[in-house]
C-alpha atoms as a PDB file:
ATOM      1  CA  MET A   1    -117.908  43.881 132.857  1.00  0.00           C
ATOM      2  CA  LYS A   2    -115.139  41.661 133.340  1.00  0.00           C
ATOM      3  CA  ALA A   3    -111.642  41.442 132.445  1.00  0.00           C
ATOM      4  CA  VAL A   4    -109.033  38.661 132.381  1.00  0.00           C
ATOM      5  CA  PHE A   5    -105.174  39.111 132.921  1.00  0.00           C
ATOM      6  CA  ILE A   6    -102.783  36.726 131.975  1.00  0.00           C
ATOM      7  CA  ASN A   7     -99.255  37.739 133.371  1.00  0.00           C
ATOM      8  CA  GLY A   8     -96.589  35.586 131.595  1.00  0.00           C
ATOM      9  CA  SER A   9     -93.686  36.703 133.592  1.00  0.00           C
ATOM     10  CA  PRO A  10     -92.240  34.171 135.951  1.00  0.00           C
ATOM     11  CA  ARG A  11     -92.047  36.924 138.574  1.00  0.00           C
ATOM     12  CA  LYS A  12     -94.726  37.318 140.863  1.00  0.00           C
ATOM     13  CA  ASN A  13     -93.505  40.669 141.906  1.00  0.00           C
ATOM     14  CA  GLY A  14     -91.439  41.952 138.825  1.00  0.00           C
ATOM     15  CA  ASN A  15     -91.848  45.031 136.596  1.00  0.00           C
ATOM     16  CA  THR A  16     -94.468  43.381 134.339  1.00  0.00           C
ATOM     17  CA  ALA A  17     -96.837  42.453 137.495  1.00  0.00           C
ATOM     18  CA  ALA A  18     -95.925  46.115 138.585  1.00  0.00           C
ATOM     19  CA  ILE A  19     -97.175  47.788 135.370  1.00  0.00           C
ATOM     20  CA  MET A  20     -99.863  45.237 134.725  1.00  0.00           C
ATOM     21  CA  SER A  21    -100.976  46.006 138.154  1.00  0.00           C
ATOM     22  CA  GLU A  22    -101.495  49.810 137.244  1.00  0.00           C
ATOM     23  CA  ILE A  23    -103.445  48.921 134.041  1.00  0.00           C
ATOM     24  CA  GLU A  24    -105.866  46.763 136.216  1.00  0.00           C
ATOM     25  CA  ARG A  25    -106.317  49.663 138.726  1.00  0.00           C
ATOM     26  CA  GLY A  26    -107.142  51.835 135.878  1.00  0.00           C
ATOM     27  CA  ILE A  27    -109.514  49.361 134.400  1.00  0.00           C
ATOM     28  CA  LYS A  28    -111.207  48.711 137.809  1.00  0.00           C
ATOM     29  CA  GLU A  29    -112.011  52.498 138.060  1.00  0.00           C
ATOM     30  CA  LYS A  30    -113.978  52.013 135.060  1.00  0.00           C
ATOM     31  CA  GLY A  31    -116.192  49.605 136.741  1.00  0.00           C
ATOM     32  CA  PHE A  32    -114.342  46.157 135.543  1.00  0.00           C
ATOM     33  CA  GLU A  33    -114.260  43.022 137.946  1.00  0.00           C
ATOM     34  CA  VAL A  34    -110.743  41.551 137.243  1.00  0.00           C
ATOM     35  CA  LYS A  35    -109.657  38.015 137.393  1.00  0.00           C
ATOM     36  CA  SER A  36    -105.718  37.732 137.359  1.00  0.00           C
ATOM     37  CA  PHE A  37    -103.493  34.592 136.445  1.00  0.00           C
ATOM     38  CA  LEU A  38     -99.754  34.807 136.764  1.00  0.00           C
ATOM     39  CA  LEU A  39     -98.644  31.716 134.451  1.00  0.00           C
ATOM     40  CA  HIS A  40     -95.764  30.681 136.371  1.00  0.00           C
ATOM     41  CA  ASP A  41     -98.161  29.768 139.373  1.00  0.00           C
ATOM     42  CA  MET A  42    -100.468  27.842 137.037  1.00  0.00           C
ATOM     43  CA  ASP A  43    -100.586  23.928 136.415  1.00  0.00           C
ATOM     44  CA  ILE A  44    -100.079  24.134 132.450  1.00  0.00           C
ATOM     45  CA  ARG A  45     -98.691  21.105 130.776  1.00  0.00           C
ATOM     46  CA  PHE A  46     -97.050  21.292 127.152  1.00  0.00           C
ATOM     47  CA  CYS A  47     -98.767  20.698 124.046  1.00  0.00           C
ATOM     48  CA  VAL A  48     -97.763  17.224 122.749  1.00  0.00           C
ATOM     49  CA  GLY A  49     -99.215  18.132 118.999  1.00  0.00           C
ATOM     50  CA  CYS A  50    -101.403  14.790 119.263  1.00  0.00           C
ATOM     51  CA  LYS A  51    -104.294  16.642 117.744  1.00  0.00           C
ATOM     52  CA  VAL A  52    -107.120  15.141 119.421  1.00  0.00           C
ATOM     53  CA  CYS A  53    -108.255  18.359 120.226  1.00  0.00           C
ATOM     54  CA  TYR A  54    -109.216  18.675 116.313  1.00  0.00           C
ATOM     55  CA  GLU A  55    -111.346  15.404 117.040  1.00  0.00           C
ATOM     56  CA  ASP A  56    -113.467  16.199 120.025  1.00  0.00           C
ATOM     57  CA  GLY A  57    -112.592  20.000 121.164  1.00  0.00           C
ATOM     58  CA  ALA A  58    -111.069  18.989 123.928  1.00  0.00           C
ATOM     59  CA  CYS A  59    -107.447  19.115 125.320  1.00  0.00           C
ATOM     60  CA  VAL A  60    -105.912  15.736 126.410  1.00  0.00           C
ATOM     61  CA  HIS A  61    -104.269  17.516 129.669  1.00  0.00           C
ATOM     62  CA  ASN A  62    -106.367  18.114 132.692  1.00  0.00           C
ATOM     63  CA  ASP A  63    -104.762  21.198 134.115  1.00  0.00           C
ATOM     64  CA  ASP A  64    -105.452  24.708 134.336  1.00  0.00           C
ATOM     65  CA  VAL A  65    -105.887  25.895 130.917  1.00  0.00           C
ATOM     66  CA  ALA A  66    -109.291  24.623 130.264  1.00  0.00           C
ATOM     67  CA  MET A  67    -110.321  26.812 133.532  1.00  0.00           C
ATOM     68  CA  MET A  68    -108.702  29.590 132.349  1.00  0.00           C
ATOM     69  CA  ALA A  69    -110.194  29.683 128.705  1.00  0.00           C
ATOM     70  CA  GLN A  70    -113.547  29.472 130.518  1.00  0.00           C
ATOM     71  CA  ALA A  71    -112.706  32.677 132.376  1.00  0.00           C
ATOM     72  CA  ILE A  72    -111.186  34.426 128.859  1.00  0.00           C
ATOM     73  CA  PHE A  73    -114.230  33.599 127.005  1.00  0.00           C
ATOM     74  CA  GLY A  74    -116.396  34.715 129.696  1.00  0.00           C
ATOM     75  CA  SER A  75    -114.868  37.878 129.767  1.00  0.00           C
ATOM     76  CA  ASP A  76    -115.255  41.258 128.217  1.00  0.00           C
ATOM     77  CA  LEU A  77    -111.444  42.014 128.167  1.00  0.00           C
ATOM     78  CA  VAL A  78    -108.412  40.025 128.241  1.00  0.00           C
ATOM     79  CA  VAL A  79    -105.042  41.840 128.819  1.00  0.00           C
ATOM     80  CA  VAL A  80    -101.764  39.615 128.018  1.00  0.00           C
ATOM     81  CA  GLY A  81     -98.487  41.183 129.359  1.00  0.00           C
ATOM     82  CA  SER A  82     -94.943  39.459 129.360  1.00  0.00           C
ATOM     83  CA  PRO A  83     -91.474  40.626 129.975  1.00  0.00           C
ATOM     84  CA  SER A  84     -89.114  40.449 126.786  1.00  0.00           C
ATOM     85  CA  TYR A  85     -86.692  37.135 126.865  1.00  0.00           C
ATOM     86  CA  TRP A  86     -84.601  37.207 124.001  1.00  0.00           C
ATOM     87  CA  GLY A  87     -86.988  39.375 121.738  1.00  0.00           C
ATOM     88  CA  ASP A  88     -90.179  37.497 122.525  1.00  0.00           C
ATOM     89  CA  VAL A  89     -92.896  36.453 124.955  1.00  0.00           C
ATOM     90  CA  THR A  90     -91.591  34.187 127.893  1.00  0.00           C
ATOM     91  CA  ALA A  91     -91.601  30.320 127.613  1.00  0.00           C
ATOM     92  CA  GLN A  92     -94.687  30.281 130.359  1.00  0.00           C
ATOM     93  CA  LEU A  93     -96.543  32.375 127.755  1.00  0.00           C
ATOM     94  CA  LYS A  94     -95.768  30.411 124.667  1.00  0.00           C
ATOM     95  CA  THR A  95     -96.820  27.267 126.216  1.00  0.00           C
ATOM     96  CA  PHE A  96    -100.196  28.822 127.265  1.00  0.00           C
ATOM     97  CA  ILE A  97    -100.558  30.027 123.817  1.00  0.00           C
ATOM     98  CA  ASP A  98     -99.741  26.574 122.296  1.00  0.00           C
ATOM     99  CA  ARG A  99    -102.427  25.269 124.722  1.00  0.00           C
ATOM    100  CA  CYS A 100    -105.189  27.074 123.310  1.00  0.00           C
ATOM    101  CA  THR A 101    -105.366  25.325 120.256  1.00  0.00           C
ATOM    102  CA  PRO A 102    -108.914  24.021 121.292  1.00  0.00           C
ATOM    103  CA  TRP A 103    -109.978  27.015 121.245  1.00  0.00           C
ATOM    104  CA  CYS A 104    -108.322  28.427 117.857  1.00  0.00           C
ATOM    105  CA  ASP A 105    -110.321  29.478 114.824  1.00  0.00           C
ATOM    106  CA  THR A 106    -108.276  26.819 112.804  1.00  0.00           C
ATOM    107  CA  ASN A 107    -110.222  24.365 114.940  1.00  0.00           C
ATOM    108  CA  ASP A 108    -113.385  23.145 113.566  1.00  0.00           C
ATOM    109  CA  LYS A 109    -114.343  21.361 116.443  1.00  0.00           C
ATOM    110  CA  ARG A 110    -113.747  24.518 119.262  1.00  0.00           C
ATOM    111  CA  LYS A 111    -116.408  24.436 122.020  1.00  0.00           C
ATOM    112  CA  LEU A 112    -115.746  28.351 123.224  1.00  0.00           C
ATOM    113  CA  PHE A 113    -116.170  31.336 121.062  1.00  0.00           C
ATOM    114  CA  ALA A 114    -115.553  34.891 121.500  1.00  0.00           C
ATOM    115  CA  LYS A 115    -118.508  37.067 121.669  1.00  0.00           C
ATOM    116  CA  GLY A 116    -117.471  40.943 121.529  1.00  0.00           C
ATOM    117  CA  ILE A 117    -114.202  40.309 123.679  1.00  0.00           C
ATOM    118  CA  LYS A 118    -111.477  42.768 123.051  1.00  0.00           C
ATOM    119  CA  GLY A 119    -107.859  41.954 123.797  1.00  0.00           C
ATOM    120  CA  ALA A 120    -104.602  44.281 124.987  1.00  0.00           C
ATOM    121  CA  ALA A 121    -101.037  43.393 124.937  1.00  0.00           C
ATOM    122  CA  VAL A 122     -98.259  44.543 127.455  1.00  0.00           C
ATOM    123  CA  ALA A 123     -95.084  44.219 126.628  1.00  0.00           C
ATOM    124  CA  VAL A 124     -91.865  45.059 129.248  1.00  0.00           C
ATOM    125  CA  ARG A 125     -88.005  44.663 128.561  1.00  0.00           C
ATOM    126  CA  ALA A 126     -84.669  45.856 129.743  1.00  0.00           C
ATOM    127  CA  GLY A 127     -83.289  47.066 126.439  1.00  0.00           C
ATOM    128  CA  GLY A 128     -84.177  50.414 124.716  1.00  0.00           C
ATOM    129  CA  ASN A 129     -85.084  48.914 121.196  1.00  0.00           C
ATOM    130  CA  LYS A 130     -89.042  49.499 120.957  1.00  0.00           C
ATOM    131  CA  ALA A 131     -89.195  47.331 117.754  1.00  0.00           C
ATOM    132  CA  GLU A 132     -88.232  44.034 120.096  1.00  0.00           C
ATOM    133  CA  ASN A 133     -91.135  44.943 122.253  1.00  0.00           C
ATOM    134  CA  GLU A 134     -93.730  45.457 119.196  1.00  0.00           C
ATOM    135  CA  ASN A 135     -92.547  41.776 118.222  1.00  0.00           C
ATOM    136  CA  LEU A 136     -94.155  40.972 121.737  1.00  0.00           C
ATOM    137  CA  VAL A 137     -97.086  42.757 120.790  1.00  0.00           C
ATOM    138  CA  ASN A 138     -97.572  40.922 117.601  1.00  0.00           C
ATOM    139  CA  THR A 139     -97.347  37.741 119.214  1.00  0.00           C
ATOM    140  CA  ILE A 140     -99.971  38.624 121.414  1.00  0.00           C
ATOM    141  CA  GLU A 141    -102.095  40.145 118.779  1.00  0.00           C
ATOM    142  CA  HIS A 142    -101.643  36.931 116.462  1.00  0.00           C
ATOM    143  CA  PHE A 143    -102.678  34.540 119.618  1.00  0.00           C
ATOM    144  CA  LEU A 144    -105.784  36.375 120.185  1.00  0.00           C
ATOM    145  CA  GLY A 145    -106.641  37.012 116.923  1.00  0.00           C
ATOM    146  CA  HIS A 146    -106.933  33.165 116.550  1.00  0.00           C
ATOM    147  CA  LEU A 147    -109.490  33.308 119.561  1.00  0.00           C
ATOM    148  CA  ASP A 148    -111.298  35.823 117.429  1.00  0.00           C
ATOM    149  CA  ILE A 149    -110.280  38.546 120.049  1.00  0.00           C
ATOM    150  CA  PRO A 150    -109.198  41.763 118.396  1.00  0.00           C
ATOM    151  CA  LEU A 151    -106.630  43.774 119.806  1.00  0.00           C
ATOM    152  CA  ALA A 152    -107.894  47.126 121.392  1.00  0.00           C
ATOM    153  CA  GLY A 153    -104.501  48.365 122.438  1.00  0.00           C
ATOM    154  CA  SER A 154    -101.147  47.868 123.554  1.00  0.00           C
ATOM    155  CA  PHE A 155     -98.790  49.231 126.085  1.00  0.00           C
ATOM    156  CA  THR A 156     -95.010  48.921 125.936  1.00  0.00           C
ATOM    157  CA  ALA A 157     -92.198  50.131 128.170  1.00  0.00           C
ATOM    158  CA  GLU A 158     -88.459  49.708 127.497  1.00  0.00           C
ATOM    159  CA  ARG A 159     -85.435  50.386 129.611  1.00  0.00           C
ATOM    160  CA  ILE A 160     -87.048  48.584 132.344  1.00  0.00           C
ATOM    161  CA  ASP A 161     -84.818  45.990 133.963  1.00  0.00           C
ATOM    162  CA  THR A 162     -84.883  46.341 137.585  1.00  0.00           C
ATOM    163  CA  ALA A 163     -87.246  47.147 140.223  1.00  0.00           C
ATOM    164  CA  ALA A 164     -84.731  50.281 140.491  1.00  0.00           C
ATOM    165  CA  ASP A 165     -85.291  51.187 136.980  1.00  0.00           C
ATOM    166  CA  LEU A 166     -88.870  51.167 137.306  1.00  0.00           C
ATOM    167  CA  ALA A 167     -88.709  53.304 140.470  1.00  0.00           C
ATOM    168  CA  ALA A 168     -86.808  55.978 138.930  1.00  0.00           C
ATOM    169  CA  ARG A 169     -89.253  56.288 136.371  1.00  0.00           C
ATOM    170  CA  PRO A 170     -92.589  56.726 137.816  1.00  0.00           C
ATOM    171  CA  GLU A 171     -94.078  58.059 134.716  1.00  0.00           C
ATOM    172  CA  VAL A 172     -94.326  54.482 133.164  1.00  0.00           C
ATOM    173  CA  LEU A 173     -96.592  53.446 135.738  1.00  0.00           C
ATOM    174  CA  LYS A 174     -98.769  56.585 135.560  1.00  0.00           C
ATOM    175  CA  LYS A 175     -98.686  56.031 131.837  1.00  0.00           C
ATOM    176  CA  ALA A 176     -99.822  52.232 132.678  1.00  0.00           C
ATOM    177  CA  TYR A 177    -102.657  53.459 134.844  1.00  0.00           C
ATOM    178  CA  GLU A 178    -103.920  56.090 132.231  1.00  0.00           C
ATOM    179  CA  PHE A 179    -103.818  53.188 129.380  1.00  0.00           C
ATOM    180  CA  GLY A 180    -106.065  51.193 131.793  1.00  0.00           C
ATOM    181  CA  VAL A 181    -108.494  53.829 132.047  1.00  0.00           C
ATOM    182  CA  THR A 182    -108.768  54.274 128.421  1.00  0.00           C
ATOM    183  CA  LEU A 183    -109.109  50.681 127.784  1.00  0.00           C
ATOM    184  CA  GLY A 184    -111.395  50.309 130.488  1.00  0.00           C
ATOM    185  CA  GLY A 185    -113.700  52.803 129.013  1.00  0.00           C
ATOM    186  CA  PHE A 186    -113.851  50.998 125.526  1.00  0.00           C
ATOM    187  CA  ARG A 187    -117.280  49.350 126.587  1.00  0.00           C
ATOM    188  CA  GLU A 188    -118.608  52.885 127.074  1.00  0.00           C
ATOM    189  CA  LYS A 189    -117.743  53.655 123.602  1.00  0.00           C
ATOM    190  CA  ASP A 190    -118.998  50.706 122.149  1.00  0.00           C
ATOM    191  CA  LEU A 191    -122.373  51.239 124.071  1.00  0.00           C
ATOM    192  CA  SER A 192    -122.555  55.213 123.288  1.00  0.00           C
END
């Protein structure tokens, strides 16, 4: 079984990465092979709204997005995570979402289709307002939904601003790991 992790944080070793790493550890325990992408390190150009993808199912840009889409559509599970920037996903993740238009269910010319893939959302924020994290989850669910990937679950963490905040709350990482184990078990449930 294959899982793809997409981290929308611009910080390679930030809190979102630490939480997603624990989720990944739990998923791997269930036998998943994991491919991770840190969007900040990827070559992703902005969507220019040209609509060429609606004519031939391909984007005019030649960057890392098509390779990432191949990984997503070749997986069993997609986990998308982002810290909260002004109550929504990061610019890096929004740019990636926009660039997935060639594979969106509104595009009659799309060439990649989801077959039994499940999704998960991860949202991390400095403030204590869980409702703002739910906004990120909704954005990720909306994105995955347009790729025909239903959301199997979500994980949110509030009041996590600095590495010290996360270090002071080891229960967050424990819960992230447990979420990964649970998420990794979805295939066992589907097959039983």
